[in-house]
């Protein structure tokens, strides 16, 4: 195969060649992290080494190029897999249909070969020989290695700009990324993105819903960024819809699942899920302006949720918590006590325990990872088999936790609930008080949503008959404003002008000569001025 490109790799940590195969695994299983026009991939089969000879005879090569097949058959001791590469369902892309590839990993030679397939009618595929490519790792000297790209027919490479990028992209982008990954000795703390659902279904549905609800961006009445929040909620809704569709198929359910979104905020997630046929409602302590735009089909309630027997939903299939703040650790509890069949989906953001702010216990983990582990533990202690996944949303907090099934039988409900009560009681001393107003939580996205906050002056846990803990009260309907956004504009302008004059006056005598259109001018660059904390430098009416 002719060589088309090469990049050098230094390996002072001696992680090669194992690091090379780790990098290849990323490219095989998560190609979208490099090629942004892909939604992902699905590894369909894992074959043992002998299976190469049972797979290839079923393929034919367009034009009768037996040389290609003979070359591939030479890898008798290779590990062979088949993957489906899934492009994003974007109408602007020339290729939107998934494509299959045979991947032959020759571990002994540090060579991986990608063999694209065409056709598929009746299970009969053909090799797309023009786009066969190979990546090789070669030792140079000492800790120096090289990665190289090879193809069968470089001059006839067929690029569609999506699944088959240009050769220049392969040599520049792909090789350099593989080289970087090959020497990184770091494992991710999180699961792969969209690991619990079918990526191809997600891609198609997301593109459809994005088009369907794009007009929400134009009429968004909230102060938050419309594009970010609309498309984030579209992505979360897409994930849930695919998850629920697969659940209906597995459990042979005829009716679409019902839901309650606790801390629904702007209500867009509730609106989308309801429009797509799922009966449900959203509850939040504070009504939003956008609620009036959704129509009667979208049920949104302005109400506070306090963890108690009055906050159970026995006829609801799913409890949702999307950035539910102080209510986040309570969601698995509410779901577990609502009914044995109730499930939960939670997307944690701000860090809260049962009784207030969450306190870190381990310095070996990030705060985010430690908090996720805490919520996961809550779900486990509530009797759920909790699964973790990463959503494809524009947020730094995109890990969701899902409880779809229980670890105990319905007959053991009483014992399971007793364990929940003891577990909640054991966390009574985990949190710290705060001088800030209860319930104030600023997300990394700039949104403030939530339902419940704790009055930390009384933390004695009670049994779950009635209120589950003492001293719990809902946050205020009106969030206190602690910046200048509510001040009159003319007042702000006067203060800014006065401060500017003080700065210019403090730099008296500090003139700088500048040339403008050939003429010299003196420019007062100003100086520094110590403003007293009480603002006495300003005219008192302004204060």
Foldseek 3Di string as FASTA:
>chain_A
DDWDAKDKFFAPPPLPPVLLVVLVVCCQFAVCVQFVQFLTKAWDDWDALQCVVVPVVLEAAVPRPVVLVVVVVVSSHWTKTKMWTAGFCDPVAPDGDIWMWIWTQDPVQQKIKIWTWDDCVVHRIYTPQLAIKMWHWADDDDRMIMIIIGGDHLVRRDDRCTPRNHPVCCRPRVRVSSSVSSRDPDDDLADAAPPPFDSNQLSVQLVVVCVVCVCCQVVPPDPFRSVQVLSQLSQVLSSVVRVQVVVCVVVVPDAGFEEEEEQCALQVNQLVNLVVRHHYAYEFCADDPNVVVRDDSHHYYNDFDFQAPVRAAQPGAEYEYEQAPQCLLVRLVRQLVNHQRHKYKYQHFAAYDNAGHADDDDPVDDPLSRRVVVSVVSNVLLFFPKDWHATDHPAPRGIMIIGRHGPDDPVCSVVSLVSNLVVSQVCLPRDDDDPDAWQADQGPSGDRTHHWTAPNVARHADPRHGRRTPRIDTGDNDDDDDDCPPPDPVLVVVVVVLVVVVQLVQQPPVWDWDADPNDIDTDRPGHDDDQDPVRPVDDVVSD
